[in-house]
Structures are given as structure tokens and as C-alpha cells.
Amino acid sequence: MEEIYRLSERDVPGASLRGRDINILTLVELKRWLACRGARRGGRKAELVERVREYIAIGLDKEIVDPDGGANIARKVATLRSQGIAHPNLAKSPPIPDAGWTSNLAELPPVTFPSMVKHFFERPASSVILDTPQACPATTD
């Protein structure tokens, strides 16, 4: 099973604002903070300040990524393993149901080309989930 480690602001240099006013941060500090969230870092200082505010307002400030090519994850893993902690953030998977499964393919509903067209293209608009730029911020410059 793959181990899952989540970074916190304490794990990545420059990921925390440390209670400082966003307006007084330097351009380098703003870009580093945004990089720690996988956010776009291009633009003028006013744009970066606004982007940081937006990330904080919608709760994306808690989602930390490793902007240093895995160095921060490696450091966290080494530290935790030296303390005898194997995988602190590994969520337990829900149990897989054992009832209702079959290996008999004859019991499956028939799948035909017209049924696939109906499923994929003729669904009501209310069943379609759209990804919006606001919900999925860009991660490249």
C-alpha cells in the first residue's frame, strides 16, 4: 500500500505567512507562498496579493504542495521514520462490500453503441459536472 504524507506550513519553508500582513510581503515571498499551494505565480505584486487573499478566502491556503521537487516530502518522511512513525496521514480505506458481486458477465446489462451514446451524450444537463477555473486554479505560470 502506498504511503500518503501531507505537508503542512511547518514542513515547507516560505509556506507560512506567520501572521504577517499580506500587503507588506515582498514579491519573492508572495511567489513562494503561492508556489507552496501549486498556484500561478505570474503577475504584478497587486495581482499576487489578490491571489493570496482569494486562496485564503476559499480555503485553498491549507493545501500545501512541495514546490522543491520532493525535497520537503523526503525530509518529512525521514524525520517521521526516525521517530518511528510510518505513515501518519494514511486514511483508512472503507471496507469493500462482499455482497452483490458476481463474476458472471451474463448478468450484466447489455452494453451497445446506442446505449453508450445515450449515456454519454444524451444525459440531462443537471447530471453533468463542470470544472470551472474558480474551482480548479491554474498551477502553471
N, C-alpha and C. Protein backbone atom coordinates (compact mmCIF):
# COMPACT_ATOMS: atom_id res chain seq x y z
N MET A 1 0.83 -1.18 0.00
CA MET A 1 0.00 0.00 0.00
C MET A 1 0.88 1.25 0.00
N GLU A 2 0.54 2.22 -0.81
CA GLU A 2 1.32 3.44 -0.93
C GLU A 2 1.12 4.32 0.31
N GLU A 3 2.21 4.88 0.81
CA GLU A 3 2.13 5.75 1.97
C GLU A 3 1.79 7.16 1.50
N ILE A 4 0.93 7.83 2.25
CA ILE A 4 0.50 9.17 1.89
C ILE A 4 0.95 10.13 2.97
N TYR A 5 1.73 11.12 2.59
CA TYR A 5 2.19 12.14 3.52
C TYR A 5 1.64 13.48 3.07
N ARG A 6 1.09 14.21 4.00
CA ARG A 6 0.58 15.55 3.69
C ARG A 6 1.51 16.58 4.33
N LEU A 7 1.83 17.58 3.55
CA LEU A 7 2.69 18.64 4.06
C LEU A 7 1.85 19.68 4.79
N SER A 8 2.46 20.30 5.78
CA SER A 8 1.84 21.43 6.47
C SER A 8 2.72 22.65 6.23
N GLU A 9 2.27 23.80 6.67
CA GLU A 9 3.07 25.02 6.51
C GLU A 9 4.40 24.91 7.24
N ARG A 10 4.44 24.11 8.31
CA ARG A 10 5.69 23.93 9.06
C ARG A 10 6.72 23.13 8.28
N ASP A 11 6.27 22.34 7.32
CA ASP A 11 7.17 21.44 6.58
C ASP A 11 7.87 22.11 5.40
N VAL A 12 7.33 23.23 4.92
CA VAL A 12 7.86 23.84 3.70
C VAL A 12 8.27 25.29 3.99
N PRO A 13 9.56 25.60 3.82
CA PRO A 13 9.99 26.98 4.02
C PRO A 13 9.24 27.95 3.09
N GLY A 14 8.74 29.02 3.66
CA GLY A 14 8.03 30.02 2.88
C GLY A 14 6.55 29.75 2.71
N ALA A 15 6.05 28.67 3.29
CA ALA A 15 4.63 28.32 3.13
C ALA A 15 3.74 29.06 4.11
N SER A 16 4.32 29.61 5.16
CA SER A 16 3.52 30.28 6.19
C SER A 16 3.67 31.79 6.10
N LEU A 17 2.57 32.48 6.33
CA LEU A 17 2.62 33.94 6.39
C LEU A 17 3.07 34.41 7.77
N ARG A 18 3.03 33.52 8.74
CA ARG A 18 3.42 33.80 10.13
C ARG A 18 2.74 35.04 10.67
N GLY A 19 1.47 35.22 10.34
CA GLY A 19 0.69 36.33 10.87
C GLY A 19 1.01 37.69 10.28
N ARG A 20 1.85 37.71 9.25
CA ARG A 20 2.22 38.99 8.65
C ARG A 20 1.14 39.49 7.71
N ASP A 21 1.08 40.79 7.55
CA ASP A 21 0.14 41.43 6.62
C ASP A 21 0.59 41.11 5.19
N ILE A 22 -0.35 40.64 4.39
CA ILE A 22 -0.04 40.25 3.01
C ILE A 22 0.53 41.42 2.21
N ASN A 23 0.06 42.62 2.48
CA ASN A 23 0.48 43.80 1.71
C ASN A 23 1.96 44.13 1.89
N ILE A 24 2.58 43.72 3.02
CA ILE A 24 3.97 44.09 3.25
C ILE A 24 4.95 43.01 2.80
N LEU A 25 4.43 41.88 2.34
CA LEU A 25 5.31 40.81 1.85
C LEU A 25 5.98 41.24 0.55
N THR A 26 7.19 40.75 0.34
CA THR A 26 7.90 41.06 -0.90
C THR A 26 7.34 40.20 -2.02
N LEU A 27 7.69 40.55 -3.24
CA LEU A 27 7.27 39.79 -4.40
C LEU A 27 7.78 38.35 -4.32
N VAL A 28 9.01 38.17 -3.86
CA VAL A 28 9.59 36.83 -3.72
C VAL A 28 8.80 36.02 -2.69
N GLU A 29 8.43 36.62 -1.57
CA GLU A 29 7.67 35.92 -0.53
C GLU A 29 6.28 35.53 -1.02
N LEU A 30 5.63 36.43 -1.75
CA LEU A 30 4.31 36.12 -2.30
C LEU A 30 4.38 34.97 -3.29
N LYS A 31 5.38 35.01 -4.17
CA LYS A 31 5.54 33.94 -5.16
C LYS A 31 5.83 32.60 -4.48
N ARG A 32 6.64 32.62 -3.44
CA ARG A 32 6.95 31.38 -2.72
C ARG A 32 5.69 30.83 -2.05
N TRP A 33 4.91 31.70 -1.41
CA TRP A 33 3.67 31.26 -0.75
C TRP A 33 2.73 30.63 -1.77
N LEU A 34 2.59 31.26 -2.92
CA LEU A 34 1.72 30.72 -3.97
C LEU A 34 2.28 29.41 -4.53
N ALA A 35 3.61 29.32 -4.69
CA ALA A 35 4.22 28.09 -5.18
C ALA A 35 3.94 26.93 -4.23
N CYS A 36 3.88 27.22 -2.95
CA CYS A 36 3.60 26.18 -1.94
C CYS A 36 2.16 25.70 -2.01
N ARG A 37 1.34 26.35 -2.79
CA ARG A 37 -0.05 25.91 -3.00
C ARG A 37 -0.27 25.43 -4.42
N GLY A 38 0.78 25.41 -5.22
CA GLY A 38 0.65 24.98 -6.61
C GLY A 38 -0.06 26.01 -7.46
N ALA A 39 -0.06 27.25 -7.03
CA ALA A 39 -0.79 28.32 -7.72
C ALA A 39 0.10 29.01 -8.75
N ARG A 40 -0.55 29.70 -9.65
CA ARG A 40 0.15 30.50 -10.65
C ARG A 40 0.87 31.64 -9.93
N ARG A 41 2.11 31.90 -10.32
CA ARG A 41 2.94 32.88 -9.63
C ARG A 41 3.24 34.11 -10.48
N GLY A 42 2.72 34.18 -11.68
CA GLY A 42 2.99 35.31 -12.55
C GLY A 42 2.11 36.50 -12.23
N GLY A 43 2.62 37.68 -12.53
CA GLY A 43 1.83 38.89 -12.35
C GLY A 43 2.54 39.91 -11.49
N ARG A 44 1.90 41.08 -11.38
CA ARG A 44 2.44 42.15 -10.56
C ARG A 44 2.10 41.90 -9.10
N LYS A 45 2.74 42.65 -8.21
CA LYS A 45 2.55 42.43 -6.78
C LYS A 45 1.09 42.54 -6.39
N ALA A 46 0.38 43.52 -6.90
CA ALA A 46 -1.04 43.69 -6.55
C ALA A 46 -1.85 42.45 -6.94
N GLU A 47 -1.52 41.87 -8.09
CA GLU A 47 -2.22 40.65 -8.53
C GLU A 47 -1.89 39.47 -7.63
N LEU A 48 -0.64 39.37 -7.21
CA LEU A 48 -0.25 38.27 -6.31
C LEU A 48 -0.92 38.42 -4.95
N VAL A 49 -0.97 39.64 -4.43
CA VAL A 49 -1.64 39.89 -3.15
C VAL A 49 -3.10 39.48 -3.26
N GLU A 50 -3.75 39.84 -4.34
CA GLU A 50 -5.16 39.48 -4.54
C GLU A 50 -5.31 37.96 -4.65
N ARG A 51 -4.40 37.30 -5.33
CA ARG A 51 -4.46 35.85 -5.47
C ARG A 51 -4.29 35.17 -4.11
N VAL A 52 -3.37 35.66 -3.29
CA VAL A 52 -3.20 35.11 -1.94
C VAL A 52 -4.48 35.28 -1.14
N ARG A 53 -5.07 36.46 -1.21
CA ARG A 53 -6.34 36.71 -0.49
C ARG A 53 -7.43 35.74 -0.95
N GLU A 54 -7.53 35.53 -2.25
CA GLU A 54 -8.54 34.61 -2.78
C GLU A 54 -8.30 33.19 -2.27
N TYR A 55 -7.04 32.75 -2.28
CA TYR A 55 -6.74 31.40 -1.79
C TYR A 55 -7.13 31.26 -0.32
N ILE A 56 -6.86 32.27 0.46
CA ILE A 56 -7.21 32.23 1.88
C ILE A 56 -8.73 32.24 2.04
N ALA A 57 -9.42 33.08 1.26
CA ALA A 57 -10.88 33.21 1.37
C ALA A 57 -11.61 31.92 1.04
N ILE A 58 -11.12 31.17 0.06
CA ILE A 58 -11.83 29.95 -0.34
C ILE A 58 -11.23 28.69 0.29
N GLY A 59 -10.25 28.88 1.19
CA GLY A 59 -9.73 27.74 1.94
C GLY A 59 -8.62 26.96 1.28
N LEU A 60 -8.11 27.43 0.15
CA LEU A 60 -7.03 26.71 -0.53
C LEU A 60 -5.67 26.94 0.12
N ASP A 61 -5.61 27.82 1.11
CA ASP A 61 -4.34 28.08 1.77
C ASP A 61 -3.87 26.90 2.61
N LYS A 62 -4.74 25.95 2.90
CA LYS A 62 -4.38 24.77 3.70
C LYS A 62 -3.82 23.64 2.84
N GLU A 63 -3.96 23.73 1.52
CA GLU A 63 -3.50 22.68 0.60
C GLU A 63 -2.06 22.97 0.20
N ILE A 64 -1.11 22.33 0.88
CA ILE A 64 0.31 22.59 0.65
C ILE A 64 0.88 21.52 -0.29
N VAL A 65 1.64 21.98 -1.28
CA VAL A 65 2.36 21.07 -2.18
C VAL A 65 3.86 21.31 -2.00
N ASP A 66 4.65 20.42 -2.52
CA ASP A 66 6.10 20.55 -2.41
C ASP A 66 6.64 21.25 -3.65
N PRO A 67 6.98 22.54 -3.53
CA PRO A 67 7.48 23.26 -4.71
C PRO A 67 8.94 22.99 -5.01
N ASP A 68 9.59 22.17 -4.19
CA ASP A 68 11.03 21.93 -4.32
C ASP A 68 11.36 20.54 -4.85
N GLY A 69 10.50 20.02 -5.71
CA GLY A 69 10.78 18.75 -6.36
C GLY A 69 10.82 17.54 -5.44
N GLY A 70 10.10 17.59 -4.35
CA GLY A 70 10.03 16.45 -3.44
C GLY A 70 10.98 16.52 -2.26
N ALA A 71 11.81 17.54 -2.17
CA ALA A 71 12.79 17.65 -1.08
C ALA A 71 12.10 17.77 0.29
N ASN A 72 11.00 18.50 0.35
CA ASN A 72 10.31 18.69 1.63
C ASN A 72 9.59 17.42 2.07
N ILE A 73 9.03 16.70 1.11
CA ILE A 73 8.39 15.41 1.44
C ILE A 73 9.46 14.44 1.94
N ALA A 74 10.59 14.38 1.27
CA ALA A 74 11.66 13.46 1.67
C ALA A 74 12.14 13.79 3.08
N ARG A 75 12.26 15.07 3.38
CA ARG A 75 12.70 15.48 4.72
C ARG A 75 11.67 15.08 5.77
N LYS A 76 10.38 15.28 5.45
CA LYS A 76 9.32 14.91 6.40
C LYS A 76 9.29 13.39 6.62
N VAL A 77 9.40 12.63 5.54
CA VAL A 77 9.39 11.17 5.64
C VAL A 77 10.57 10.71 6.51
N ALA A 78 11.76 11.25 6.26
CA ALA A 78 12.94 10.84 7.02
C ALA A 78 12.76 11.19 8.50
N THR A 79 12.24 12.36 8.78
CA THR A 79 12.02 12.77 10.17
C THR A 79 11.02 11.87 10.87
N LEU A 80 9.89 11.61 10.19
CA LEU A 80 8.87 10.77 10.80
C LEU A 80 9.35 9.34 11.00
N ARG A 81 10.06 8.81 10.03
CA ARG A 81 10.57 7.43 10.17
C ARG A 81 11.61 7.34 11.28
N SER A 82 12.42 8.39 11.46
CA SER A 82 13.39 8.38 12.55
C SER A 82 12.69 8.41 13.91
N GLN A 83 11.44 8.91 13.92
CA GLN A 83 10.65 8.93 15.15
C GLN A 83 9.78 7.68 15.27
N GLY A 84 9.89 6.76 14.31
CA GLY A 84 9.12 5.52 14.36
C GLY A 84 7.70 5.65 13.84
N ILE A 85 7.41 6.72 13.12
CA ILE A 85 6.07 6.94 12.57
C ILE A 85 6.13 6.61 11.09
N ALA A 86 5.39 5.59 10.67
CA ALA A 86 5.49 5.13 9.28
C ALA A 86 4.68 5.99 8.32
N HIS A 87 3.42 6.18 8.57
CA HIS A 87 2.58 6.96 7.66
C HIS A 87 1.45 7.60 8.47
N PRO A 88 1.66 8.82 8.95
CA PRO A 88 0.72 9.46 9.86
C PRO A 88 -0.60 9.87 9.22
N ASN A 89 -0.62 10.15 7.96
CA ASN A 89 -1.82 10.69 7.33
C ASN A 89 -2.55 9.68 6.47
N LEU A 90 -2.19 8.43 6.58
CA LEU A 90 -2.81 7.42 5.74
C LEU A 90 -4.23 7.18 6.22
N ALA A 91 -5.18 7.54 5.39
CA ALA A 91 -6.58 7.36 5.75
C ALA A 91 -6.97 5.91 5.55
N LYS A 92 -7.79 5.40 6.46
CA LYS A 92 -8.26 4.02 6.30
C LYS A 92 -9.25 3.98 5.15
N SER A 93 -9.06 3.02 4.30
CA SER A 93 -9.99 2.85 3.18
C SER A 93 -11.28 2.23 3.70
N PRO A 94 -12.41 2.62 3.13
CA PRO A 94 -13.66 1.99 3.55
C PRO A 94 -13.65 0.52 3.15
N PRO A 95 -14.37 -0.31 3.90
CA PRO A 95 -14.37 -1.72 3.56
C PRO A 95 -15.02 -1.95 2.19
N ILE A 96 -14.49 -2.89 1.45
CA ILE A 96 -15.05 -3.24 0.14
C ILE A 96 -16.21 -4.20 0.39
N PRO A 97 -17.39 -3.88 -0.15
CA PRO A 97 -18.52 -4.78 0.09
C PRO A 97 -18.29 -6.14 -0.55
N ASP A 98 -18.72 -7.18 0.15
CA ASP A 98 -18.53 -8.52 -0.39
C ASP A 98 -19.83 -9.13 -0.89
N ALA A 99 -20.93 -8.41 -0.72
CA ALA A 99 -22.22 -8.91 -1.21
C ALA A 99 -22.58 -8.18 -2.50
N GLY A 100 -23.29 -8.86 -3.38
CA GLY A 100 -23.78 -8.23 -4.60
C GLY A 100 -22.81 -8.28 -5.78
N TRP A 101 -21.68 -8.91 -5.63
CA TRP A 101 -20.70 -9.01 -6.70
C TRP A 101 -20.85 -10.36 -7.39
N THR A 102 -20.56 -10.35 -8.67
CA THR A 102 -20.64 -11.60 -9.42
C THR A 102 -19.56 -11.62 -10.49
N SER A 103 -19.14 -12.81 -10.84
CA SER A 103 -18.18 -12.95 -11.93
C SER A 103 -18.89 -13.39 -13.21
N ASN A 104 -20.20 -13.52 -13.13
CA ASN A 104 -20.99 -13.96 -14.28
C ASN A 104 -21.35 -12.75 -15.13
N LEU A 105 -20.68 -12.58 -16.26
CA LEU A 105 -20.92 -11.42 -17.12
C LEU A 105 -22.29 -11.46 -17.78
N ALA A 106 -22.92 -12.61 -17.84
CA ALA A 106 -24.25 -12.72 -18.44
C ALA A 106 -25.29 -11.94 -17.64
N GLU A 107 -25.00 -11.69 -16.36
CA GLU A 107 -25.95 -10.96 -15.52
C GLU A 107 -25.84 -9.45 -15.69
N LEU A 108 -24.81 -8.97 -16.38
CA LEU A 108 -24.66 -7.53 -16.60
C LEU A 108 -25.65 -7.05 -17.65
N PRO A 109 -26.07 -5.78 -17.55
CA PRO A 109 -26.96 -5.27 -18.58
C PRO A 109 -26.21 -5.18 -19.91
N PRO A 110 -26.91 -5.30 -21.02
CA PRO A 110 -26.23 -5.24 -22.31
C PRO A 110 -25.69 -3.83 -22.57
N VAL A 111 -24.49 -3.79 -23.12
CA VAL A 111 -23.88 -2.51 -23.48
C VAL A 111 -23.76 -2.50 -24.99
N THR A 112 -24.48 -1.56 -25.59
CA THR A 112 -24.47 -1.43 -27.04
C THR A 112 -24.00 -0.02 -27.40
N PHE A 113 -23.66 0.18 -28.64
CA PHE A 113 -23.25 1.50 -29.07
C PHE A 113 -24.35 2.54 -28.82
N PRO A 114 -25.61 2.26 -29.16
CA PRO A 114 -26.66 3.25 -28.87
C PRO A 114 -26.81 3.52 -27.37
N SER A 115 -26.62 2.51 -26.53
CA SER A 115 -26.75 2.76 -25.09
C SER A 115 -25.59 3.64 -24.58
N MET A 116 -24.40 3.47 -25.17
CA MET A 116 -23.27 4.32 -24.77
C MET A 116 -23.51 5.76 -25.23
N VAL A 117 -24.00 5.95 -26.45
CA VAL A 117 -24.30 7.30 -26.94
C VAL A 117 -25.32 7.97 -26.03
N LYS A 118 -26.34 7.24 -25.68
CA LYS A 118 -27.37 7.79 -24.79
C LYS A 118 -26.77 8.17 -23.44
N HIS A 119 -25.93 7.30 -22.91
CA HIS A 119 -25.33 7.56 -21.60
C HIS A 119 -24.41 8.78 -21.62
N PHE A 120 -23.56 8.88 -22.62
CA PHE A 120 -22.57 9.93 -22.64
C PHE A 120 -23.04 11.25 -23.24
N PHE A 121 -23.97 11.20 -24.20
CA PHE A 121 -24.31 12.42 -24.92
C PHE A 121 -25.74 12.90 -24.71
N GLU A 122 -26.60 12.06 -24.23
CA GLU A 122 -28.00 12.47 -24.10
C GLU A 122 -28.44 12.57 -22.65
N ARG A 123 -27.49 12.76 -21.75
CA ARG A 123 -27.84 12.91 -20.35
C ARG A 123 -28.43 14.29 -20.13
N PRO A 124 -29.29 14.45 -19.14
CA PRO A 124 -29.79 15.79 -18.83
C PRO A 124 -28.65 16.67 -18.32
N ALA A 125 -28.73 17.96 -18.61
CA ALA A 125 -27.67 18.89 -18.23
C ALA A 125 -27.43 18.89 -16.72
N SER A 126 -28.43 18.58 -15.93
CA SER A 126 -28.28 18.60 -14.48
C SER A 126 -27.35 17.51 -13.99
N SER A 127 -27.08 16.49 -14.79
CA SER A 127 -26.20 15.42 -14.35
C SER A 127 -24.76 15.64 -14.78
N VAL A 128 -24.48 16.72 -15.48
CA VAL A 128 -23.13 16.99 -15.96
C VAL A 128 -22.42 17.87 -14.94
N ILE A 129 -21.21 17.48 -14.55
CA ILE A 129 -20.41 18.26 -13.61
C ILE A 129 -19.38 19.02 -14.42
N LEU A 130 -19.33 20.32 -14.21
CA LEU A 130 -18.39 21.15 -14.94
C LEU A 130 -17.26 21.58 -14.04
N ASP A 131 -16.03 21.54 -14.54
CA ASP A 131 -14.90 22.10 -13.82
C ASP A 131 -14.77 23.55 -14.25
N THR A 132 -14.69 24.44 -13.28
CA THR A 132 -14.54 25.86 -13.59
C THR A 132 -13.16 26.32 -13.14
N PRO A 133 -12.62 27.35 -13.77
CA PRO A 133 -11.32 27.87 -13.34
C PRO A 133 -11.33 28.29 -11.87
N GLN A 134 -12.47 28.75 -11.37
CA GLN A 134 -12.54 29.16 -9.97
C GLN A 134 -12.39 27.94 -9.05
N ALA A 135 -12.93 26.81 -9.43
CA ALA A 135 -12.85 25.62 -8.59
C ALA A 135 -11.51 24.92 -8.75
N CYS A 136 -10.86 25.07 -9.89
CA CYS A 136 -9.59 24.40 -10.16
C CYS A 136 -8.57 25.43 -10.61
N PRO A 137 -7.92 26.12 -9.66
CA PRO A 137 -6.98 27.18 -10.06
C PRO A 137 -5.81 26.64 -10.87
N ALA A 138 -5.32 27.48 -11.76
CA ALA A 138 -4.19 27.09 -12.60
C ALA A 138 -2.96 26.86 -11.76
N THR A 139 -2.13 25.91 -12.18
CA THR A 139 -0.93 25.60 -11.41
C THR A 139 0.34 25.90 -12.16
N THR A 140 0.22 26.55 -13.29
CA THR A 140 1.43 26.87 -14.06
C THR A 140 1.55 28.36 -14.21
N ASP A 141 2.74 28.81 -14.49
CA ASP A 141 2.98 30.25 -14.70
C ASP A 141 2.61 30.63 -16.10
